[in-house]
């Protein structure tokens, strides 16, 4: 599968890969465990890119370059005002990665307590 040009947005690239593989949004949604409407929103750029574990599943399912997709996802995430307005790209990227780790249950209860204590220290 060819790489996308630098000007291609994350959602456009996801759509290209899906169409190259003759897959429907319903099929992609089922493979990722999400609604087809979510896939549509991501492709249109109105919803945030996939979280890292879904992105990895997508790349594996379609045998495409995870690193390329992750770079596009981070680039798009930086341009979105999600999850927090008026934050640096690094803060938004950290939140994006943390959300993915929480959703995939990679953060255990004890780590969650440590993380909360650290954030409290940072925000004093």
C-alpha atoms as a PDB file:
ATOM      1  CA  UNK A   1       0.000   0.000   0.000  1.00  0.00           C
ATOM      2  CA  UNK A   2       1.337   3.450  -0.915  1.00  0.00           C
ATOM      3  CA  UNK A   3       2.045   6.165   1.574  1.00  0.00           C
ATOM      4  CA  UNK A   4      -0.089   9.269   1.723  1.00  0.00           C
ATOM      5  CA  UNK A   5       1.294  12.643   0.758  1.00  0.00           C
ATOM      6  CA  UNK A   6       2.088  15.035   3.598  1.00  0.00           C
ATOM      7  CA  UNK A   7      -1.000  17.102   2.804  1.00  0.00           C
ATOM      8  CA  UNK A   8      -3.439  14.214   3.318  1.00  0.00           C
ATOM      9  CA  UNK A   9      -5.530  14.464   6.453  1.00  0.00           C
ATOM     10  CA  UNK A  10      -6.005  11.515   8.802  1.00  0.00           C
ATOM     11  CA  UNK A  11      -9.649  10.971   7.852  1.00  0.00           C
ATOM     12  CA  UNK A  12      -8.878  11.142   4.142  1.00  0.00           C
ATOM     13  CA  UNK A  13      -6.147   8.513   4.555  1.00  0.00           C
ATOM     14  CA  UNK A  14      -8.454   6.223   6.547  1.00  0.00           C
ATOM     15  CA  UNK A  15     -11.036   6.525   3.759  1.00  0.00           C
ATOM     16  CA  UNK A  16      -8.413   5.832   1.072  1.00  0.00           C
ATOM     17  CA  UNK A  17      -7.260   2.682   2.843  1.00  0.00           C
ATOM     18  CA  UNK A  18     -10.838   1.530   3.410  1.00  0.00           C
ATOM     19  CA  UNK A  19     -11.770   2.052  -0.246  1.00  0.00           C
ATOM     20  CA  UNK A  20      -8.559   0.447  -1.527  1.00  0.00           C
ATOM     21  CA  UNK A  21      -9.605  -2.628   0.454  1.00  0.00           C
ATOM     22  CA  UNK A  22     -13.214  -2.395  -0.760  1.00  0.00           C
ATOM     23  CA  UNK A  23     -14.489  -2.264   2.806  1.00  0.00           C
ATOM     24  CA  UNK A  24     -17.615  -0.478   3.993  1.00  0.00           C
ATOM     25  CA  UNK A  25     -17.770   1.839   6.969  1.00  0.00           C
ATOM     26  CA  UNK A  26     -19.931  -0.825   8.628  1.00  0.00           C
ATOM     27  CA  UNK A  27     -17.205  -3.441   8.145  1.00  0.00           C
ATOM     28  CA  UNK A  28     -14.519  -1.139   9.542  1.00  0.00           C
ATOM     29  CA  UNK A  29     -16.733  -0.221  12.480  1.00  0.00           C
ATOM     30  CA  UNK A  30     -17.337  -3.884  13.269  1.00  0.00           C
ATOM     31  CA  UNK A  31     -13.590  -4.638  13.071  1.00  0.00           C
ATOM     32  CA  UNK A  32     -12.826  -1.765  15.468  1.00  0.00           C
ATOM     33  CA  UNK A  33     -15.813  -2.248  17.752  1.00  0.00           C
ATOM     34  CA  UNK A  34     -17.406   1.120  16.963  1.00  0.00           C
ATOM     35  CA  UNK A  35     -20.474   2.380  15.101  1.00  0.00           C
ATOM     36  CA  UNK A  36     -20.209   3.039  11.374  1.00  0.00           C
ATOM     37  CA  UNK A  37     -21.269   6.623  12.096  1.00  0.00           C
ATOM     38  CA  UNK A  38     -18.053   7.066  14.086  1.00  0.00           C
ATOM     39  CA  UNK A  39     -16.016   5.872  11.090  1.00  0.00           C
ATOM     40  CA  UNK A  40     -17.901   8.354   8.910  1.00  0.00           C
ATOM     41  CA  UNK A  41     -17.192  11.198  11.335  1.00  0.00           C
ATOM     42  CA  UNK A  42     -13.494  10.349  11.482  1.00  0.00           C
ATOM     43  CA  UNK A  43     -13.256  10.178   7.691  1.00  0.00           C
ATOM     44  CA  UNK A  44     -14.971  13.565   7.377  1.00  0.00           C
ATOM     45  CA  UNK A  45     -12.669  15.078  10.003  1.00  0.00           C
ATOM     46  CA  UNK A  46     -15.501  16.077  12.337  1.00  0.00           C
ATOM     47  CA  UNK A  47     -14.528  13.535  15.006  1.00  0.00           C
ATOM     48  CA  UNK A  48     -11.164  13.038  16.648  1.00  0.00           C
ATOM     49  CA  UNK A  49      -8.854  10.362  15.228  1.00  0.00           C
ATOM     50  CA  UNK A  50      -8.922   6.808  16.540  1.00  0.00           C
ATOM     51  CA  UNK A  51      -7.362   6.193  19.923  1.00  0.00           C
ATOM     52  CA  UNK A  52      -4.032   4.355  19.719  1.00  0.00           C
ATOM     53  CA  UNK A  53      -5.379   0.842  20.350  1.00  0.00           C
ATOM     54  CA  UNK A  54      -8.023   1.241  17.623  1.00  0.00           C
ATOM     55  CA  UNK A  55      -5.480   2.750  15.277  1.00  0.00           C
ATOM     56  CA  UNK A  56      -3.227  -0.266  15.824  1.00  0.00           C
ATOM     57  CA  UNK A  57      -6.162  -2.607  15.176  1.00  0.00           C
ATOM     58  CA  UNK A  58      -7.030  -0.708  11.966  1.00  0.00           C
ATOM     59  CA  UNK A  59      -3.414  -0.863  10.741  1.00  0.00           C
ATOM     60  CA  UNK A  60      -3.225  -4.564  11.510  1.00  0.00           C
ATOM     61  CA  UNK A  61      -6.592  -5.310   9.887  1.00  0.00           C
ATOM     62  CA  UNK A  62      -5.665  -3.524   6.643  1.00  0.00           C
ATOM     63  CA  UNK A  63      -1.928  -4.325   6.801  1.00  0.00           C
ATOM     64  CA  UNK A  64      -0.932  -0.678   6.537  1.00  0.00           C
ATOM     65  CA  UNK A  65       1.699   1.504   8.218  1.00  0.00           C
ATOM     66  CA  UNK A  66       0.755   2.220  11.847  1.00  0.00           C
ATOM     67  CA  UNK A  67       3.471   4.878  12.205  1.00  0.00           C
ATOM     68  CA  UNK A  68       2.181   6.799   9.178  1.00  0.00           C
ATOM     69  CA  UNK A  69      -1.379   6.740  10.538  1.00  0.00           C
ATOM     70  CA  UNK A  70      -0.255   7.693  14.031  1.00  0.00           C
ATOM     71  CA  UNK A  71       1.689  10.684  12.666  1.00  0.00           C
ATOM     72  CA  UNK A  72      -1.397  11.837  10.752  1.00  0.00           C
ATOM     73  CA  UNK A  73      -3.583  11.288  13.833  1.00  0.00           C
ATOM     74  CA  UNK A  74      -1.264  13.355  16.029  1.00  0.00           C
ATOM     75  CA  UNK A  75      -1.081  16.094  13.384  1.00  0.00           C
ATOM     76  CA  UNK A  76      -4.878  16.234  13.210  1.00  0.00           C
ATOM     77  CA  UNK A  77      -5.220  16.051  16.995  1.00  0.00           C
ATOM     78  CA  UNK A  78      -2.955  19.087  17.263  1.00  0.00           C
ATOM     79  CA  UNK A  79      -5.196  21.038  14.901  1.00  0.00           C
ATOM     80  CA  UNK A  80      -8.386  20.115  16.755  1.00  0.00           C
ATOM     81  CA  UNK A  81      -9.553  22.028  19.786  1.00  0.00           C
ATOM     82  CA  UNK A  82     -10.144  18.659  21.409  1.00  0.00           C
ATOM     83  CA  UNK A  83      -9.694  17.601  24.126  1.00  0.00           C
ATOM     84  CA  UNK A  84      -8.753  20.968  25.651  1.00  0.00           C
ATOM     85  CA  UNK A  85      -8.821  24.437  24.200  1.00  0.00           C
ATOM     86  CA  UNK A  86      -5.804  26.713  24.547  1.00  0.00           C
ATOM     87  CA  UNK A  87      -3.347  23.927  25.384  1.00  0.00           C
ATOM     88  CA  UNK A  88      -0.008  23.176  23.823  1.00  0.00           C
ATOM     89  CA  UNK A  89       0.181  20.365  21.268  1.00  0.00           C
ATOM     90  CA  UNK A  90       2.241  18.385  23.793  1.00  0.00           C
ATOM     91  CA  UNK A  91      -0.505  18.617  26.427  1.00  0.00           C
ATOM     92  CA  UNK A  92      -3.163  17.586  23.920  1.00  0.00           C
ATOM     93  CA  UNK A  93      -0.987  14.698  22.724  1.00  0.00           C
ATOM     94  CA  UNK A  94      -0.425  13.562  26.321  1.00  0.00           C
ATOM     95  CA  UNK A  95      -4.184  13.629  26.946  1.00  0.00           C
ATOM     96  CA  UNK A  96      -4.826  11.724  23.713  1.00  0.00           C
ATOM     97  CA  UNK A  97      -2.301   9.045  24.675  1.00  0.00           C
ATOM     98  CA  UNK A  98      -3.605   8.865  28.240  1.00  0.00           C
ATOM     99  CA  UNK A  99      -7.180   8.450  27.010  1.00  0.00           C
ATOM    100  CA  UNK A 100      -6.038   5.557  24.839  1.00  0.00           C
ATOM    101  CA  UNK A 101      -4.215   3.903  27.725  1.00  0.00           C
ATOM    102  CA  UNK A 102      -7.230   4.281  30.004  1.00  0.00           C
ATOM    103  CA  UNK A 103      -9.648   2.978  27.378  1.00  0.00           C
ATOM    104  CA  UNK A 104      -7.486  -0.076  26.686  1.00  0.00           C
ATOM    105  CA  UNK A 105      -7.147  -0.619  30.455  1.00  0.00           C
ATOM    106  CA  UNK A 106      -3.360  -0.344  30.443  1.00  0.00           C
ATOM    107  CA  UNK A 107      -3.430   1.896  33.525  1.00  0.00           C
ATOM    108  CA  UNK A 108      -3.977  -0.041  36.733  1.00  0.00           C
ATOM    109  CA  UNK A 109      -5.608   1.406  39.871  1.00  0.00           C
ATOM    110  CA  UNK A 110      -2.299   2.003  41.659  1.00  0.00           C
ATOM    111  CA  UNK A 111      -0.855   3.747  38.598  1.00  0.00           C
ATOM    112  CA  UNK A 112      -4.008   5.848  38.383  1.00  0.00           C
ATOM    113  CA  UNK A 113      -3.507   7.036  41.969  1.00  0.00           C
ATOM    114  CA  UNK A 114       0.137   7.904  41.241  1.00  0.00           C
ATOM    115  CA  UNK A 115      -0.843   9.739  38.085  1.00  0.00           C
ATOM    116  CA  UNK A 116      -3.501  11.735  39.920  1.00  0.00           C
ATOM    117  CA  UNK A 117      -1.011  12.692  42.658  1.00  0.00           C
ATOM    118  CA  UNK A 118       1.480  13.815  39.998  1.00  0.00           C
ATOM    119  CA  UNK A 119      -1.098  15.936  38.170  1.00  0.00           C
ATOM    120  CA  UNK A 120      -2.171  17.515  41.476  1.00  0.00           C
ATOM    121  CA  UNK A 121       1.461  18.469  42.177  1.00  0.00           C
ATOM    122  CA  UNK A 122       1.782  19.980  38.704  1.00  0.00           C
ATOM    123  CA  UNK A 123      -1.332  22.093  39.062  1.00  0.00           C
ATOM    124  CA  UNK A 124      -0.567  23.671  42.422  1.00  0.00           C
END
